[in-house]
């Protein structure tokens, strides 16, 4: 009786495998990677504030969602 479960389980695994293998790779472009590296490097280069132990924050823009 258990052998009747093998074909549906095999089909489910095959469909899952095909769904995972057919997805395109979503890697960031080299420009995005370099920009992320520069932002990280700049953030680490900022000095710590002695009183709170927090990093100094740059002045906030009036409209942060606009560049």
PDB file of N, CA and C in Angstrom:
ATOM      1  N   UNK A   1       0.808  -1.194   0.000  1.00  0.00           N
ATOM      2  CA  UNK A   1       0.000   0.000   0.000  1.00  0.00           C
ATOM      3  C   UNK A   1       0.862   1.274   0.000  1.00  0.00           C
ATOM      4  N   UNK A   2       2.007   1.249   0.716  1.00  0.00           N
ATOM      5  CA  UNK A   2       2.881   2.429   0.760  1.00  0.00           C
ATOM      6  C   UNK A   2       3.498   2.741  -0.590  1.00  0.00           C
ATOM      7  N   UNK A   3       3.654   1.743  -1.434  1.00  0.00           N
ATOM      8  CA  UNK A   3       4.284   1.974  -2.729  1.00  0.00           C
ATOM      9  C   UNK A   3       3.424   2.881  -3.613  1.00  0.00           C
ATOM     10  N   UNK A   4       2.136   3.038  -3.288  1.00  0.00           N
ATOM     11  CA  UNK A   4       1.274   3.932  -4.063  1.00  0.00           C
ATOM     12  C   UNK A   4       1.605   5.407  -3.809  1.00  0.00           C
ATOM     13  N   UNK A   5       2.272   5.721  -2.704  1.00  0.00           N
ATOM     14  CA  UNK A   5       2.656   7.105  -2.407  1.00  0.00           C
ATOM     15  C   UNK A   5       3.928   7.544  -3.130  1.00  0.00           C
ATOM     16  N   UNK A   6       4.696   6.589  -3.617  1.00  0.00           N
ATOM     17  CA  UNK A   6       5.982   6.939  -4.241  1.00  0.00           C
ATOM     18  C   UNK A   6       5.803   7.805  -5.482  1.00  0.00           C
ATOM     19  N   UNK A   7       4.932   7.469  -6.442  1.00  0.00           N
ATOM     20  CA  UNK A   7       4.817   8.335  -7.638  1.00  0.00           C
ATOM     21  C   UNK A   7       4.366   9.774  -7.334  1.00  0.00           C
ATOM     22  N   UNK A   8       3.344  10.014  -6.502  1.00  0.00           N
ATOM     23  CA  UNK A   8       2.985  11.422  -6.247  1.00  0.00           C
ATOM     24  C   UNK A   8       4.087  12.200  -5.535  1.00  0.00           C
ATOM     25  N   UNK A   9       4.782  11.559  -4.611  1.00  0.00           N
ATOM     26  CA  UNK A   9       5.877  12.233  -3.908  1.00  0.00           C
ATOM     27  C   UNK A   9       7.005  12.534  -4.877  1.00  0.00           C
ATOM     28  N   UNK A  10       7.296  11.598  -5.779  1.00  0.00           N
ATOM     29  CA  UNK A  10       8.352  11.819  -6.769  1.00  0.00           C
ATOM     30  C   UNK A  10       7.984  12.968  -7.704  1.00  0.00           C
ATOM     31  N   UNK A  11       6.731  13.056  -8.100  1.00  0.00           N
ATOM     32  CA  UNK A  11       6.295  14.152  -8.964  1.00  0.00           C
ATOM     33  C   UNK A  11       6.397  15.483  -8.218  1.00  0.00           C
ATOM     34  N   UNK A  12       6.020  15.515  -6.946  1.00  0.00           N
ATOM     35  CA  UNK A  12       6.143  16.753  -6.166  1.00  0.00           C
ATOM     36  C   UNK A  12       7.589  17.202  -6.060  1.00  0.00           C
ATOM     37  N   UNK A  13       8.493  16.265  -5.769  1.00  0.00           N
ATOM     38  CA  UNK A  13       9.905  16.623  -5.691  1.00  0.00           C
ATOM     39  C   UNK A  13      10.430  17.108  -7.029  1.00  0.00           C
ATOM     40  N   UNK A  14      10.016  16.474  -8.120  1.00  0.00           N
ATOM     41  CA  UNK A  14      10.472  16.887  -9.452  1.00  0.00           C
ATOM     42  C   UNK A  14       9.976  18.289  -9.772  1.00  0.00           C
ATOM     43  N   UNK A  15       8.715  18.582  -9.470  1.00  0.00           N
ATOM     44  CA  UNK A  15       8.188  19.923  -9.734  1.00  0.00           C
ATOM     45  C   UNK A  15       8.876  20.980  -8.876  1.00  0.00           C
ATOM     46  N   UNK A  16       9.130  20.657  -7.625  1.00  0.00           N
ATOM     47  CA  UNK A  16       9.834  21.589  -6.749  1.00  0.00           C
ATOM     48  C   UNK A  16      11.243  21.849  -7.254  1.00  0.00           C
ATOM     49  N   UNK A  17      11.925  20.800  -7.669  1.00  0.00           N
ATOM     50  CA  UNK A  17      13.287  20.938  -8.174  1.00  0.00           C
ATOM     51  C   UNK A  17      13.297  21.784  -9.442  1.00  0.00           C
ATOM     52  N   UNK A  18      12.346  21.538 -10.344  1.00  0.00           N
ATOM     53  CA  UNK A  18      12.283  22.323 -11.580  1.00  0.00           C
ATOM     54  C   UNK A  18      11.971  23.786 -11.293  1.00  0.00           C
ATOM     55  N   UNK A  19      11.115  24.040 -10.319  1.00  0.00           N
ATOM     56  CA  UNK A  19      10.781  25.425  -9.978  1.00  0.00           C
ATOM     57  C   UNK A  19      11.996  26.152  -9.413  1.00  0.00           C
ATOM     58  N   UNK A  20      12.772  25.467  -8.596  1.00  0.00           N
ATOM     59  CA  UNK A  20      13.946  26.106  -7.997  1.00  0.00           C
ATOM     60  C   UNK A  20      15.082  26.280  -8.991  1.00  0.00           C
ATOM     61  N   UNK A  21      15.260  25.315  -9.875  1.00  0.00           N
ATOM     62  CA  UNK A  21      16.398  25.360 -10.795  1.00  0.00           C
ATOM     63  C   UNK A  21      16.143  26.324 -11.957  1.00  0.00           C
ATOM     64  N   UNK A  22      14.879  26.607 -12.290  1.00  0.00           N
ATOM     65  CA  UNK A  22      14.590  27.450 -13.448  1.00  0.00           C
ATOM     66  C   UNK A  22      14.561  28.928 -13.099  1.00  0.00           C
ATOM     67  N   UNK A  23      14.686  29.289 -11.811  1.00  0.00           N
ATOM     68  CA  UNK A  23      14.693  30.704 -11.435  1.00  0.00           C
ATOM     69  C   UNK A  23      15.992  31.359 -11.882  1.00  0.00           C
ATOM     70  N   UNK A  24      15.923  32.544 -12.461  1.00  0.00           N
ATOM     71  CA  UNK A  24      17.164  33.230 -12.842  1.00  0.00           C
ATOM     72  C   UNK A  24      17.897  33.735 -11.604  1.00  0.00           C
ATOM     73  N   UNK A  25      19.213  33.822 -11.716  1.00  0.00           N
ATOM     74  CA  UNK A  25      20.005  34.344 -10.604  1.00  0.00           C
ATOM     75  C   UNK A  25      19.779  35.843 -10.499  1.00  0.00           C
ATOM     76  N   UNK A  26      19.587  36.312  -9.291  1.00  0.00           N
ATOM     77  CA  UNK A  26      19.339  37.743  -9.083  1.00  0.00           C
ATOM     78  C   UNK A  26      20.521  38.345  -8.343  1.00  0.00           C
ATOM     79  N   UNK A  27      21.593  38.504  -9.045  1.00  0.00           N
ATOM     80  CA  UNK A  27      22.785  39.104  -8.446  1.00  0.00           C
ATOM     81  C   UNK A  27      22.783  40.597  -8.714  1.00  0.00           C
ATOM     82  N   UNK A  28      23.239  41.389  -7.756  1.00  0.00           N
ATOM     83  CA  UNK A  28      23.326  42.826  -8.019  1.00  0.00           C
ATOM     84  C   UNK A  28      24.431  43.106  -9.034  1.00  0.00           C
ATOM     85  N   UNK A  29      24.246  44.166  -9.784  1.00  0.00           N
ATOM     86  CA  UNK A  29      25.264  44.550 -10.759  1.00  0.00           C
ATOM     87  C   UNK A  29      26.525  45.019 -10.066  1.00  0.00           C
ATOM     88  N   UNK A  30      27.623  45.100 -10.821  1.00  0.00           N
ATOM     89  CA  UNK A  30      28.884  45.511 -10.193  1.00  0.00           C
ATOM     90  C   UNK A  30      28.834  46.931  -9.642  1.00  0.00           C
ATOM     91  N   UNK A  31      28.039  47.806 -10.240  1.00  0.00           N
ATOM     92  CA  UNK A  31      27.938  49.168  -9.724  1.00  0.00           C
ATOM     93  C   UNK A  31      27.278  49.204  -8.363  1.00  0.00           C
ATOM     94  N   UNK A  32      26.238  48.402  -8.181  1.00  0.00           N
ATOM     95  CA  UNK A  32      25.548  48.367  -6.898  1.00  0.00           C
ATOM     96  C   UNK A  32      26.467  47.806  -5.821  1.00  0.00           C
ATOM     97  N   UNK A  33      27.254  46.798  -6.176  1.00  0.00           N
ATOM     98  CA  UNK A  33      28.162  46.202  -5.211  1.00  0.00           C
ATOM     99  C   UNK A  33      29.241  47.199  -4.786  1.00  0.00           C
ATOM    100  N   UNK A  34      29.794  47.931  -5.726  1.00  0.00           N
ATOM    101  CA  UNK A  34      30.827  48.915  -5.397  1.00  0.00           C
ATOM    102  C   UNK A  34      30.231  50.052  -4.565  1.00  0.00           C
ATOM    103  N   UNK A  35      29.013  50.464  -4.889  1.00  0.00           N
ATOM    104  CA  UNK A  35      28.379  51.527  -4.113  1.00  0.00           C
ATOM    105  C   UNK A  35      28.136  51.078  -2.681  1.00  0.00           C
ATOM    106  N   UNK A  36      27.706  49.833  -2.497  1.00  0.00           N
ATOM    107  CA  UNK A  36      27.497  49.296  -1.150  1.00  0.00           C
ATOM    108  C   UNK A  36      28.825  49.249  -0.397  1.00  0.00           C
ATOM    109  N   UNK A  37      29.903  48.863  -1.082  1.00  0.00           N
ATOM    110  CA  UNK A  37      31.224  48.819  -0.451  1.00  0.00           C
ATOM    111  C   UNK A  37      31.656  50.220  -0.015  1.00  0.00           C
ATOM    112  N   UNK A  38      31.453  51.201  -0.885  1.00  0.00           N
ATOM    113  CA  UNK A  38      31.863  52.574  -0.547  1.00  0.00           C
ATOM    114  C   UNK A  38      31.060  53.128   0.625  1.00  0.00           C
ATOM    115  N   UNK A  39      29.737  52.857   0.632  1.00  0.00           N
ATOM    116  CA  UNK A  39      28.922  53.340   1.747  1.00  0.00           C
ATOM    117  C   UNK A  39      29.350  52.701   3.059  1.00  0.00           C
ATOM    118  N   UNK A  40      29.657  51.413   3.031  1.00  0.00           N
ATOM    119  CA  UNK A  40      30.099  50.720   4.239  1.00  0.00           C
ATOM    120  C   UNK A  40      31.433  51.281   4.713  1.00  0.00           C
ATOM    121  N   UNK A  41      32.351  51.478   3.780  1.00  0.00           N
ATOM    122  CA  UNK A  41      33.664  52.026   4.126  1.00  0.00           C
ATOM    123  C   UNK A  41      33.542  53.432   4.710  1.00  0.00           C
ATOM    124  N   UNK A  42      32.694  54.259   4.107  1.00  0.00           N
ATOM    125  CA  UNK A  42      32.504  55.624   4.623  1.00  0.00           C
ATOM    126  C   UNK A  42      31.867  55.612   6.003  1.00  0.00           C
ATOM    127  N   UNK A  43      30.910  54.701   6.220  1.00  0.00           N
ATOM    128  CA  UNK A  43      30.258  54.626   7.534  1.00  0.00           C
ATOM    129  C   UNK A  43      31.248  54.182   8.598  1.00  0.00           C
ATOM    130  N   UNK A  44      32.131  53.278   8.273  1.00  0.00           N
ATOM    131  CA  UNK A  44      33.120  52.819   9.243  1.00  0.00           C
ATOM    132  C   UNK A  44      34.197  53.862   9.502  1.00  0.00           C
ATOM    133  N   UNK A  45      34.421  54.761   8.551  1.00  0.00           N
ATOM    134  CA  UNK A  45      35.462  55.780   8.708  1.00  0.00           C
ATOM    135  C   UNK A  45      35.007  56.929   9.585  1.00  0.00           C
ATOM    136  N   UNK A  46      33.682  57.084   9.778  1.00  0.00           N
ATOM    137  CA  UNK A  46      33.191  58.181  10.621  1.00  0.00           C
ATOM    138  C   UNK A  46      33.563  57.937  12.076  1.00  0.00           C
ATOM    139  N   UNK A  47      33.972  58.980  12.788  1.00  0.00           N
ATOM    140  CA  UNK A  47      34.365  58.801  14.200  1.00  0.00           C
ATOM    141  C   UNK A  47      33.151  58.563  15.097  1.00  0.00           C
ATOM    142  N   UNK A  48      33.392  57.900  16.206  1.00  0.00           N
ATOM    143  CA  UNK A  48      32.345  57.689  17.198  1.00  0.00           C
ATOM    144  C   UNK A  48      32.208  58.923  18.073  1.00  0.00           C
ATOM    145  N   UNK A  49      30.986  59.222  18.483  1.00  0.00           N
ATOM    146  CA  UNK A  49      30.742  60.315  19.416  1.00  0.00           C
ATOM    147  C   UNK A  49      31.112  59.807  20.807  1.00  0.00           C
ATOM    148  N   UNK A  50      31.933  60.569  21.544  1.00  0.00           N
ATOM    149  CA  UNK A  50      32.430  60.098  22.839  1.00  0.00           C
ATOM    150  C   UNK A  50      31.331  59.964  23.888  1.00  0.00           C
ATOM    151  N   UNK A  51      30.335  60.850  23.896  1.00  0.00           N
ATOM    152  CA  UNK A  51      29.335  60.859  24.961  1.00  0.00           C
ATOM    153  C   UNK A  51      28.399  59.651  24.879  1.00  0.00           C
ATOM    154  N   UNK A  52      27.929  59.323  23.700  1.00  0.00           N
ATOM    155  CA  UNK A  52      26.919  58.260  23.585  1.00  0.00           C
ATOM    156  C   UNK A  52      27.464  56.963  23.014  1.00  0.00           C
ATOM    157  N   UNK A  53      28.618  56.997  22.397  1.00  0.00           N
ATOM    158  CA  UNK A  53      29.138  55.798  21.766  1.00  0.00           C
ATOM    159  C   UNK A  53      28.481  55.497  20.431  1.00  0.00           C
ATOM    160  N   UNK A  54      27.699  56.444  19.931  1.00  0.00           N
ATOM    161  CA  UNK A  54      27.017  56.267  18.648  1.00  0.00           C
ATOM    162  C   UNK A  54      27.780  57.022  17.563  1.00  0.00           C
ATOM    163  N   UNK A  55      27.578  56.573  16.345  1.00  0.00           N
ATOM    164  CA  UNK A  55      28.205  57.271  15.222  1.00  0.00           C
ATOM    165  C   UNK A  55      27.464  58.572  14.944  1.00  0.00           C
ATOM    166  N   UNK A  56      28.222  59.569  14.471  1.00  0.00           N
ATOM    167  CA  UNK A  56      27.604  60.841  14.117  1.00  0.00           C
ATOM    168  C   UNK A  56      26.739  60.633  12.881  1.00  0.00           C
ATOM    169  N   UNK A  57      25.539  61.175  12.916  1.00  0.00           N
ATOM    170  CA  UNK A  57      24.643  61.038  11.776  1.00  0.00           C
ATOM    171  C   UNK A  57      24.751  62.273  10.898  1.00  0.00           C
ATOM    172  N   UNK A  58      24.731  62.091   9.587  1.00  0.00           N
ATOM    173  CA  UNK A  58      24.733  63.263   8.707  1.00  0.00           C
ATOM    174  C   UNK A  58      23.378  63.966   8.796  1.00  0.00           C
ATOM    175  N   UNK A  59      23.344  65.244   8.390  1.00  0.00           N
ATOM    176  CA  UNK A  59      22.092  65.996   8.418  1.00  0.00           C
ATOM    177  C   UNK A  59      21.084  65.328   7.498  1.00  0.00           C
ATOM    178  N   UNK A  60      19.835  65.226   7.973  1.00  0.00           N
ATOM    179  CA  UNK A  60      18.800  64.584   7.177  1.00  0.00           C
ATOM    180  C   UNK A  60      18.282  65.544   6.121  1.00  0.00           C
ATOM    181  N   UNK A  61      18.021  64.994   4.965  1.00  0.00           N
ATOM    182  CA  UNK A  61      17.470  65.764   3.875  1.00  0.00           C
ATOM    183  C   UNK A  61      15.973  65.973   4.125  1.00  0.00           C
ATOM    184  N   UNK A  62      15.420  67.064   3.627  1.00  0.00           N
ATOM    185  CA  UNK A  62      14.014  67.346   3.835  1.00  0.00           C
ATOM    186  C   UNK A  62      13.125  66.271   3.238  1.00  0.00           C
ATOM    187  N   UNK A  63      13.508  65.802   2.050  1.00  0.00           N
ATOM    188  CA  UNK A  63      12.758  64.748   1.364  1.00  0.00           C
ATOM    189  C   UNK A  63      13.687  63.559   1.162  1.00  0.00           C
ATOM    190  N   UNK A  64      13.760  62.623   2.116  1.00  0.00           N
ATOM    191  CA  UNK A  64      14.726  61.539   2.000  1.00  0.00           C
ATOM    192  C   UNK A  64      14.453  60.584   0.841  1.00  0.00           C
ATOM    193  N   UNK A  65      13.221  60.525   0.347  1.00  0.00           N
ATOM    194  CA  UNK A  65      12.942  59.605  -0.746  1.00  0.00           C
ATOM    195  C   UNK A  65      13.299  60.188  -2.109  1.00  0.00           C
ATOM    196  N   UNK A  66      13.618  61.474  -2.162  1.00  0.00           N
ATOM    197  CA  UNK A  66      14.032  62.099  -3.419  1.00  0.00           C
ATOM    198  C   UNK A  66      15.528  62.270  -3.424  1.00  0.00           C
ATOM    199  N   UNK A  67      16.123  62.020  -4.581  1.00  0.00           N
ATOM    200  CA  UNK A  67      17.592  62.161  -4.682  1.00  0.00           C
ATOM    201  C   UNK A  67      17.942  63.265  -5.633  1.00  0.00           C
TER     202      UNK A  67
END
